[in-house]
Amino acid sequence: MNKDQAGGNWKQFKGTVKEKWGKLTEDDLTVIEGKRDQLVGKIQERYGYQKEAAEKEVKAWEEHNKYRW
């Protein structure tokens, strides 16, 4: 998957990210732009999770939505 495909894929999944983690702002999602580590970090920041908990949530979301970075 090239960078353009990943970016397009991210735009499609942005809505599901907002459904799952509603505390994330549009600015947060712009910063994240399909970068998994950025998503984990923003979830930690907004929800006060430990890294392991944020990683676990992202992994579950990826599996549920069949999302590939």
PDB file of N, CA and C in Angstrom:
ATOM      1  N   MET A   1       0.856  -1.166   0.000  1.00  0.00           N
ATOM      2  CA  MET A   1       0.000   0.000   0.000  1.00  0.00           C
ATOM      3  C   MET A   1       0.905   1.233   0.000  1.00  0.00           C
ATOM      4  N   ASN A   2       0.670   2.142  -0.955  1.00  0.00           N
ATOM      5  CA  ASN A   2       1.485   3.349  -0.978  1.00  0.00           C
ATOM      6  C   ASN A   2       0.878   4.438  -0.104  1.00  0.00           C
ATOM      7  N   LYS A   3       1.597   5.557   0.013  1.00  0.00           N
ATOM      8  CA  LYS A   3       1.188   6.634   0.908  1.00  0.00           C
ATOM      9  C   LYS A   3      -0.168   7.225   0.508  1.00  0.00           C
ATOM     10  N   ASP A   4      -0.420   7.374  -0.797  1.00  0.00           N
ATOM     11  CA  ASP A   4      -1.698   7.919  -1.264  1.00  0.00           C
ATOM     12  C   ASP A   4      -2.858   6.994  -0.910  1.00  0.00           C
ATOM     13  N   GLN A   5      -2.655   5.696  -1.061  1.00  0.00           N
ATOM     14  CA  GLN A   5      -3.691   4.732  -0.704  1.00  0.00           C
ATOM     15  C   GLN A   5      -3.973   4.766   0.785  1.00  0.00           C
ATOM     16  N   ALA A   6      -2.921   4.842   1.590  1.00  0.00           N
ATOM     17  CA  ALA A   6      -3.103   4.899   3.042  1.00  0.00           C
ATOM     18  C   ALA A   6      -3.847   6.157   3.431  1.00  0.00           C
ATOM     19  N   GLY A   7      -3.529   7.285   2.809  1.00  0.00           N
ATOM     20  CA  GLY A   7      -4.219   8.538   3.100  1.00  0.00           C
ATOM     21  C   GLY A   7      -5.691   8.471   2.740  1.00  0.00           C
ATOM     22  N   GLY A   8      -6.007   7.901   1.590  1.00  0.00           N
ATOM     23  CA  GLY A   8      -7.402   7.751   1.186  1.00  0.00           C
ATOM     24  C   GLY A   8      -8.144   6.813   2.104  1.00  0.00           C
ATOM     25  N   ASN A   9      -7.487   5.743   2.474  1.00  0.00           N
ATOM     26  CA  ASN A   9      -8.066   4.779   3.404  1.00  0.00           C
ATOM     27  C   ASN A   9      -8.370   5.469   4.733  1.00  0.00           C
ATOM     28  N   TRP A  10      -7.449   6.306   5.201  1.00  0.00           N
ATOM     29  CA  TRP A  10      -7.636   7.023   6.469  1.00  0.00           C
ATOM     30  C   TRP A  10      -8.866   7.914   6.385  1.00  0.00           C
ATOM     31  N   LYS A  11      -9.038   8.632   5.276  1.00  0.00           N
ATOM     32  CA  LYS A  11     -10.198   9.522   5.132  1.00  0.00           C
ATOM     33  C   LYS A  11     -11.494   8.736   5.232  1.00  0.00           C
ATOM     34  N   GLN A  12     -11.518   7.542   4.698  1.00  0.00           N
ATOM     35  CA  GLN A  12     -12.705   6.695   4.782  1.00  0.00           C
ATOM     36  C   GLN A  12     -12.979   6.260   6.218  1.00  0.00           C
ATOM     37  N   PHE A  13     -11.930   6.021   6.982  1.00  0.00           N
ATOM     38  CA  PHE A  13     -12.095   5.501   8.339  1.00  0.00           C
ATOM     39  C   PHE A  13     -12.183   6.586   9.406  1.00  0.00           C
ATOM     40  N   LYS A  14     -11.970   7.837   9.027  1.00  0.00           N
ATOM     41  CA  LYS A  14     -11.991   8.931   9.989  1.00  0.00           C
ATOM     42  C   LYS A  14     -13.302   8.965  10.781  1.00  0.00           C
ATOM     43  N   GLY A  15     -14.399   8.712  10.104  1.00  0.00           N
ATOM     44  CA  GLY A  15     -15.695   8.702  10.784  1.00  0.00           C
ATOM     45  C   GLY A  15     -15.785   7.628  11.845  1.00  0.00           C
ATOM     46  N   THR A  16     -15.233   6.467  11.568  1.00  0.00           N
ATOM     47  CA  THR A  16     -15.287   5.394  12.563  1.00  0.00           C
ATOM     48  C   THR A  16     -14.382   5.709  13.749  1.00  0.00           C
ATOM     49  N   VAL A  17     -13.302   6.444  13.498  1.00  0.00           N
ATOM     50  CA  VAL A  17     -12.426   6.876  14.594  1.00  0.00           C
ATOM     51  C   VAL A  17     -13.200   7.832  15.497  1.00  0.00           C
ATOM     52  N   LYS A  18     -13.913   8.784  14.906  1.00  0.00           N
ATOM     53  CA  LYS A  18     -14.696   9.751  15.689  1.00  0.00           C
ATOM     54  C   LYS A  18     -15.805   9.054  16.467  1.00  0.00           C
ATOM     55  N   GLU A  19     -16.417   8.019  15.892  1.00  0.00           N
ATOM     56  CA  GLU A  19     -17.457   7.273  16.603  1.00  0.00           C
ATOM     57  C   GLU A  19     -16.871   6.583  17.831  1.00  0.00           C
ATOM     58  N   LYS A  20     -15.702   6.011  17.683  1.00  0.00           N
ATOM     59  CA  LYS A  20     -15.062   5.254  18.765  1.00  0.00           C
ATOM     60  C   LYS A  20     -14.471   6.179  19.824  1.00  0.00           C
ATOM     61  N   TRP A  21     -13.780   7.232  19.378  1.00  0.00           N
ATOM     62  CA  TRP A  21     -13.088   8.140  20.291  1.00  0.00           C
ATOM     63  C   TRP A  21     -13.578   9.563  20.041  1.00  0.00           C
ATOM     64  N   GLY A  22     -14.779   9.861  20.518  1.00  0.00           N
ATOM     65  CA  GLY A  22     -15.435  11.141  20.283  1.00  0.00           C
ATOM     66  C   GLY A  22     -14.726  12.349  20.865  1.00  0.00           C
ATOM     67  N   LYS A  23     -13.830  12.138  21.816  1.00  0.00           N
ATOM     68  CA  LYS A  23     -13.100  13.263  22.397  1.00  0.00           C
ATOM     69  C   LYS A  23     -12.013  13.793  21.472  1.00  0.00           C
ATOM     70  N   LEU A  24     -11.677  13.038  20.430  1.00  0.00           N
ATOM     71  CA  LEU A  24     -10.678  13.506  19.482  1.00  0.00           C
ATOM     72  C   LEU A  24     -11.296  14.603  18.613  1.00  0.00           C
ATOM     73  N   THR A  25     -10.575  15.691  18.433  1.00  0.00           N
ATOM     74  CA  THR A  25     -11.069  16.819  17.651  1.00  0.00           C
ATOM     75  C   THR A  25     -10.688  16.653  16.176  1.00  0.00           C
ATOM     76  N   GLU A  26     -11.265  17.503  15.342  1.00  0.00           N
ATOM     77  CA  GLU A  26     -10.878  17.504  13.926  1.00  0.00           C
ATOM     78  C   GLU A  26      -9.392  17.834  13.789  1.00  0.00           C
ATOM     79  N   ASP A  27      -8.909  18.753  14.628  1.00  0.00           N
ATOM     80  CA  ASP A  27      -7.477  19.082  14.611  1.00  0.00           C
ATOM     81  C   ASP A  27      -6.633  17.860  14.970  1.00  0.00           C
ATOM     82  N   ASP A  28      -7.087  17.086  15.964  1.00  0.00           N
ATOM     83  CA  ASP A  28      -6.381  15.856  16.326  1.00  0.00           C
ATOM     84  C   ASP A  28      -6.306  14.919  15.131  1.00  0.00           C
ATOM     85  N   LEU A  29      -7.425  14.762  14.451  1.00  0.00           N
ATOM     86  CA  LEU A  29      -7.477  13.838  13.315  1.00  0.00           C
ATOM     87  C   LEU A  29      -6.615  14.329  12.164  1.00  0.00           C
ATOM     88  N   THR A  30      -6.526  15.635  11.999  1.00  0.00           N
ATOM     89  CA  THR A  30      -5.655  16.198  10.969  1.00  0.00           C
ATOM     90  C   THR A  30      -4.198  15.887  11.286  1.00  0.00           C
ATOM     91  N   VAL A  31      -3.815  16.023  12.549  1.00  0.00           N
ATOM     92  CA  VAL A  31      -2.447  15.720  12.970  1.00  0.00           C
ATOM     93  C   VAL A  31      -2.148  14.236  12.791  1.00  0.00           C
ATOM     94  N   ILE A  32      -3.103  13.403  13.138  1.00  0.00           N
ATOM     95  CA  ILE A  32      -2.917  11.950  13.072  1.00  0.00           C
ATOM     96  C   ILE A  32      -2.733  11.496  11.628  1.00  0.00           C
ATOM     97  N   GLU A  33      -3.622  11.922  10.728  1.00  0.00           N
ATOM     98  CA  GLU A  33      -3.585  11.579   9.301  1.00  0.00           C
ATOM     99  C   GLU A  33      -3.100  10.169   9.004  1.00  0.00           C
ATOM    100  N   GLY A  34      -3.709   9.187   9.633  1.00  0.00           N
ATOM    101  CA  GLY A  34      -3.405   7.800   9.319  1.00  0.00           C
ATOM    102  C   GLY A  34      -2.167   7.232   9.982  1.00  0.00           C
ATOM    103  N   LYS A  35      -1.565   7.965  10.899  1.00  0.00           N
ATOM    104  CA  LYS A  35      -0.366   7.472  11.577  1.00  0.00           C
ATOM    105  C   LYS A  35      -0.781   6.803  12.885  1.00  0.00           C
ATOM    106  N   ARG A  36      -0.564   5.521  12.953  1.00  0.00           N
ATOM    107  CA  ARG A  36      -1.017   4.728  14.090  1.00  0.00           C
ATOM    108  C   ARG A  36      -0.447   5.230  15.416  1.00  0.00           C
ATOM    109  N   ASP A  37       0.847   5.513  15.442  1.00  0.00           N
ATOM    110  CA  ASP A  37       1.464   5.956  16.689  1.00  0.00           C
ATOM    111  C   ASP A  37       0.890   7.294  17.150  1.00  0.00           C
ATOM    112  N   GLN A  38       0.530   8.157  16.197  1.00  0.00           N
ATOM    113  CA  GLN A  38      -0.094   9.432  16.541  1.00  0.00           C
ATOM    114  C   GLN A  38      -1.481   9.203  17.136  1.00  0.00           C
ATOM    115  N   LEU A  39      -2.229   8.249  16.584  1.00  0.00           N
ATOM    116  CA  LEU A  39      -3.555   7.927  17.105  1.00  0.00           C
ATOM    117  C   LEU A  39      -3.453   7.427  18.538  1.00  0.00           C
ATOM    118  N   VAL A  40      -2.538   6.519  18.787  1.00  0.00           N
ATOM    119  CA  VAL A  40      -2.345   5.984  20.138  1.00  0.00           C
ATOM    120  C   VAL A  40      -2.007   7.119  21.100  1.00  0.00           C
ATOM    121  N   GLY A  41      -1.113   8.005  20.686  1.00  0.00           N
ATOM    122  CA  GLY A  41      -0.708   9.123  21.531  1.00  0.00           C
ATOM    123  C   GLY A  41      -1.855  10.073  21.842  1.00  0.00           C
ATOM    124  N   LYS A  42      -2.686  10.380  20.844  1.00  0.00           N
ATOM    125  CA  LYS A  42      -3.821  11.287  21.060  1.00  0.00           C
ATOM    126  C   LYS A  42      -4.869  10.647  21.961  1.00  0.00           C
ATOM    127  N   ILE A  43      -5.067   9.336  21.848  1.00  0.00           N
ATOM    128  CA  ILE A  43      -6.009   8.641  22.734  1.00  0.00           C
ATOM    129  C   ILE A  43      -5.490   8.708  24.170  1.00  0.00           C
ATOM    130  N   GLN A  44      -4.193   8.501  24.343  1.00  0.00           N
ATOM    131  CA  GLN A  44      -3.597   8.628  25.679  1.00  0.00           C
ATOM    132  C   GLN A  44      -3.837  10.028  26.233  1.00  0.00           C
ATOM    133  N   GLU A  45      -3.590  11.027  25.422  1.00  0.00           N
ATOM    134  CA  GLU A  45      -3.715  12.418  25.846  1.00  0.00           C
ATOM    135  C   GLU A  45      -5.153  12.786  26.198  1.00  0.00           C
ATOM    136  N   ARG A  46      -6.097  12.455  25.332  1.00  0.00           N
ATOM    137  CA  ARG A  46      -7.488  12.865  25.519  1.00  0.00           C
ATOM    138  C   ARG A  46      -8.220  12.057  26.587  1.00  0.00           C
ATOM    139  N   TYR A  47      -7.874  10.779  26.718  1.00  0.00           N
ATOM    140  CA  TYR A  47      -8.600   9.909  27.636  1.00  0.00           C
ATOM    141  C   TYR A  47      -7.823   9.578  28.914  1.00  0.00           C
ATOM    142  N   GLY A  48      -6.564   9.977  28.979  1.00  0.00           N
ATOM    143  CA  GLY A  48      -5.760   9.699  30.160  1.00  0.00           C
ATOM    144  C   GLY A  48      -5.395   8.225  30.311  1.00  0.00           C
ATOM    145  N   TYR A  49      -5.352   7.496  29.194  1.00  0.00           N
ATOM    146  CA  TYR A  49      -5.014   6.075  29.226  1.00  0.00           C
ATOM    147  C   TYR A  49      -3.505   5.891  29.298  1.00  0.00           C
ATOM    148  N   GLN A  50      -3.109   4.755  29.849  1.00  0.00           N
ATOM    149  CA  GLN A  50      -1.733   4.311  29.743  1.00  0.00           C
ATOM    150  C   GLN A  50      -1.514   3.845  28.305  1.00  0.00           C
ATOM    151  N   LYS A  51      -0.264   3.808  27.871  1.00  0.00           N
ATOM    152  CA  LYS A  51       0.040   3.428  26.491  1.00  0.00           C
ATOM    153  C   LYS A  51      -0.517   2.048  26.146  1.00  0.00           C
ATOM    154  N   GLU A  52      -0.391   1.100  27.065  1.00  0.00           N
ATOM    155  CA  GLU A  52      -0.854  -0.264  26.804  1.00  0.00           C
ATOM    156  C   GLU A  52      -2.368  -0.296  26.555  1.00  0.00           C
ATOM    157  N   ALA A  53      -3.128   0.477  27.335  1.00  0.00           N
ATOM    158  CA  ALA A  53      -4.584   0.513  27.169  1.00  0.00           C
ATOM    159  C   ALA A  53      -4.957   1.144  25.831  1.00  0.00           C
ATOM    160  N   ALA A  54      -4.265   2.214  25.465  1.00  0.00           N
ATOM    161  CA  ALA A  54      -4.529   2.866  24.179  1.00  0.00           C
ATOM    162  C   ALA A  54      -4.187   1.922  23.027  1.00  0.00           C
ATOM    163  N   GLU A  55      -3.059   1.233  23.133  1.00  0.00           N
ATOM    164  CA  GLU A  55      -2.657   0.259  22.107  1.00  0.00           C
ATOM    165  C   GLU A  55      -3.706  -0.836  21.958  1.00  0.00           C
ATOM    166  N   LYS A  56      -4.214  -1.319  23.083  1.00  0.00           N
ATOM    167  CA  LYS A  56      -5.211  -2.388  23.068  1.00  0.00           C
ATOM    168  C   LYS A  56      -6.490  -1.917  22.365  1.00  0.00           C
ATOM    169  N   GLU A  57      -6.927  -0.696  22.660  1.00  0.00           N
ATOM    170  CA  GLU A  57      -8.127  -0.167  22.017  1.00  0.00           C
ATOM    171  C   GLU A  57      -7.932   0.001  20.512  1.00  0.00           C
ATOM    172  N   VAL A  58      -6.776   0.531  20.126  1.00  0.00           N
ATOM    173  CA  VAL A  58      -6.514   0.720  18.698  1.00  0.00           C
ATOM    174  C   VAL A  58      -6.463  -0.625  17.992  1.00  0.00           C
ATOM    175  N   LYS A  59      -5.830  -1.599  18.601  1.00  0.00           N
ATOM    176  CA  LYS A  59      -5.754  -2.933  17.984  1.00  0.00           C
ATOM    177  C   LYS A  59      -7.147  -3.530  17.803  1.00  0.00           C
ATOM    178  N   ALA A  60      -7.996  -3.399  18.817  1.00  0.00           N
ATOM    179  CA  ALA A  60      -9.361  -3.911  18.714  1.00  0.00           C
ATOM    180  C   ALA A  60     -10.128  -3.181  17.617  1.00  0.00           C
ATOM    181  N   TRP A  61      -9.934  -1.867  17.517  1.00  0.00           N
ATOM    182  CA  TRP A  61     -10.591  -1.068  16.477  1.00  0.00           C
ATOM    183  C   TRP A  61     -10.121  -1.505  15.088  1.00  0.00           C
ATOM    184  N   GLU A  62      -8.804  -1.729  14.953  1.00  0.00           N
ATOM    185  CA  GLU A  62      -8.241  -2.179  13.676  1.00  0.00           C
ATOM    186  C   GLU A  62      -8.860  -3.512  13.254  1.00  0.00           C
ATOM    187  N   GLU A  63      -8.944  -4.438  14.188  1.00  0.00           N
ATOM    188  CA  GLU A  63      -9.485  -5.763  13.876  1.00  0.00           C
ATOM    189  C   GLU A  63     -10.964  -5.684  13.519  1.00  0.00           C
ATOM    190  N   HIS A  64     -11.710  -4.893  14.261  1.00  0.00           N
ATOM    191  CA  HIS A  64     -13.150  -4.745  14.020  1.00  0.00           C
ATOM    192  C   HIS A  64     -13.422  -4.109  12.648  1.00  0.00           C
ATOM    193  N   ASN A  65     -12.605  -3.121  12.285  1.00  0.00           N
ATOM    194  CA  ASN A  65     -12.827  -2.378  11.041  1.00  0.00           C
ATOM    195  C   ASN A  65     -11.967  -2.897   9.884  1.00  0.00           C
ATOM    196  N   LYS A  66     -11.197  -3.937  10.155  1.00  0.00           N
ATOM    197  CA  LYS A  66     -10.312  -4.504   9.138  1.00  0.00           C
ATOM    198  C   LYS A  66      -9.441  -3.408   8.517  1.00  0.00           C
ATOM    199  N   TYR A  67      -8.909  -2.520   9.388  1.00  0.00           N
ATOM    200  CA  TYR A  67      -8.091  -1.392   8.941  1.00  0.00           C
ATOM    201  C   TYR A  67      -6.624  -1.779   8.933  1.00  0.00           C
ATOM    202  N   ARG A  68      -5.944  -1.438   7.841  1.00  0.00           N
ATOM    203  CA  ARG A  68      -4.507  -1.704   7.725  1.00  0.00           C
ATOM    204  C   ARG A  68      -3.780  -0.383   7.532  1.00  0.00           C
ATOM    205  N   TRP A  69      -2.740  -0.159   8.307  1.00  0.00           N
ATOM    206  CA  TRP A  69      -1.976   1.084   8.210  1.00  0.00           C
ATOM    207  C   TRP A  69      -0.999   0.996   7.088  1.00  0.00           C
TER     208      TRP A  69
END
